C-alpha atoms as a PDB file:
ATOM      1  CA  MET A   1      -1.961  15.544 -11.940  1.00  0.00           C
ATOM      2  CA  THR A   2       1.405  13.834 -12.386  1.00  0.00           C
ATOM      3  CA  SER A   3       1.586  10.109 -13.050  1.00  0.00           C
ATOM      4  CA  THR A   4       4.657   8.215 -11.711  1.00  0.00           C
ATOM      5  CA  GLN A   5       5.360   4.564 -11.743  1.00  0.00           C
ATOM      6  CA  LYS A   6       6.585   2.929  -8.532  1.00  0.00           C
ATOM      7  CA  ARG A   7       7.117  -0.736  -7.806  1.00  0.00           C
ATOM      8  CA  ILE A   8       5.196  -2.560  -5.113  1.00  0.00           C
ATOM      9  CA  ARG A   9       6.158  -6.002  -3.858  1.00  0.00           C
ATOM     10  CA  ASN A  10       3.974  -8.924  -5.178  1.00  0.00           C
ATOM     11  CA  GLY A  11       2.736  -9.946  -1.792  1.00  0.00           C
ATOM     12  CA  LEU A  12       1.646  -6.471  -1.045  1.00  0.00           C
ATOM     13  CA  LEU A  13       0.035  -6.038  -4.433  1.00  0.00           C
ATOM     14  CA  GLU A  14      -2.008  -9.254  -3.780  1.00  0.00           C
ATOM     15  CA  ALA A  15      -3.166  -7.808  -0.409  1.00  0.00           C
ATOM     16  CA  VAL A  16      -4.208  -4.548  -2.170  1.00  0.00           C
ATOM     17  CA  GLU A  17      -6.140  -6.525  -4.808  1.00  0.00           C
ATOM     18  CA  GLU A  18      -7.948  -8.489  -2.087  1.00  0.00           C
ATOM     19  CA  LYS A  19      -8.782  -5.252  -0.132  1.00  0.00           C
ATOM     20  CA  LYS A  20     -10.009  -3.689  -3.369  1.00  0.00           C
ATOM     21  CA  TRP A  21     -12.496  -6.462  -3.968  1.00  0.00           C
ATOM     22  CA  GLU A  22     -13.750  -6.260  -0.346  1.00  0.00           C
ATOM     23  CA  ILE A  23     -14.320  -2.538  -0.727  1.00  0.00           C
ATOM     24  CA  LYS A  24     -15.959  -2.938  -4.177  1.00  0.00           C
ATOM     25  CA  TYR A  25     -18.379  -5.479  -2.720  1.00  0.00           C
ATOM     26  CA  GLU A  26     -19.190  -3.195   0.232  1.00  0.00           C
ATOM     27  CA  LEU A  27     -19.655  -0.017  -1.729  1.00  0.00           C
ATOM     28  CA  ARG A  28     -20.966  -1.434  -4.954  1.00  0.00           C
ATOM     29  CA  ILE A  29     -18.888   1.045  -6.967  1.00  0.00           C
ATOM     30  CA  ASP A  30     -15.934   0.582  -9.291  1.00  0.00           C
ATOM     31  CA  ILE A  31     -12.614   1.317  -7.597  1.00  0.00           C
ATOM     32  CA  GLN A  32      -9.162   0.614  -8.796  1.00  0.00           C
ATOM     33  CA  ASP A  33      -5.997  -0.737  -7.150  1.00  0.00           C
ATOM     34  CA  VAL A  34      -4.497   2.718  -7.243  1.00  0.00           C
ATOM     35  CA  ASP A  35      -7.508   4.036  -5.245  1.00  0.00           C
ATOM     36  CA  VAL A  36      -6.673   1.700  -2.427  1.00  0.00           C
ATOM     37  CA  ILE A  37      -2.934   2.391  -2.594  1.00  0.00           C
ATOM     38  CA  ASN A  38      -3.458   6.133  -2.579  1.00  0.00           C
ATOM     39  CA  ALA A  39      -5.944   5.914   0.265  1.00  0.00           C
ATOM     40  CA  ILE A  40      -3.461   3.889   2.366  1.00  0.00           C
ATOM     41  CA  ILE A  41      -0.738   6.449   1.741  1.00  0.00           C
ATOM     42  CA  TRP A  42      -3.067   9.392   2.345  1.00  0.00           C
ATOM     43  CA  LYS A  43      -4.328   7.942   5.620  1.00  0.00           C
ATOM     44  CA  ASN A  44      -1.047   6.692   7.061  1.00  0.00           C
ATOM     45  CA  LEU A  45       1.872   8.666   5.626  1.00  0.00           C
ATOM     46  CA  LYS A  46       1.746  11.364   8.368  1.00  0.00           C
ATOM     47  CA  ASN A  47       2.336   8.719  11.002  1.00  0.00           C
ATOM     48  CA  LEU A  48       5.213   6.890   9.241  1.00  0.00           C
ATOM     49  CA  SER A  49       8.555   7.177  11.089  1.00  0.00           C
ATOM     50  CA  ALA A  50      12.125   6.428  10.181  1.00  0.00           C
ATOM     51  CA  ASN A  51      11.907   3.493  12.613  1.00  0.00           C
ATOM     52  CA  ASP A  52       8.991   2.075  10.748  1.00  0.00           C
ATOM     53  CA  VAL A  53      11.000   2.099   7.572  1.00  0.00           C
ATOM     54  CA  LEU A  54      13.942   0.425   9.294  1.00  0.00           C
ATOM     55  CA  GLU A  55      11.622  -2.173  10.811  1.00  0.00           C
ATOM     56  CA  TYR A  56      10.072  -2.925   7.399  1.00  0.00           C
ATOM     57  CA  ARG A  57      13.529  -3.257   5.797  1.00  0.00           C
ATOM     58  CA  ARG A  58      14.717  -5.564   8.605  1.00  0.00           C
ATOM     59  CA  ASP A  59      11.588  -7.726   8.983  1.00  0.00           C
ATOM     60  CA  TYR A  60      10.303  -7.926   5.429  1.00  0.00           C
ATOM     61  CA  LEU A  61      13.470  -7.463   3.281  1.00  0.00           C
ATOM     62  CA  GLY A  62      15.925  -9.039   5.710  1.00  0.00           C
ATOM     63  CA  LYS A  63      18.270  -5.982   5.515  1.00  0.00           C
ATOM     64  CA  GLU A  64      20.336  -4.815   8.525  1.00  0.00           C
ATOM     65  CA  ASP A  65      21.213  -1.170   8.433  1.00  0.00           C
END
């Protein structure tokens, strides 16, 4: 398996950390932040559209394309 570093915004990282602790408490097993991030990507990537990306850039980053 290949390992690649990507950046994630601090606010999103905090949300991932909170979700990780909720899941750890529910399952009573050790999971990592990367498990949560990969599960999010795995579950939602197929539904992501170009408009979703533009909306994120506009609403969260304040960029107008």
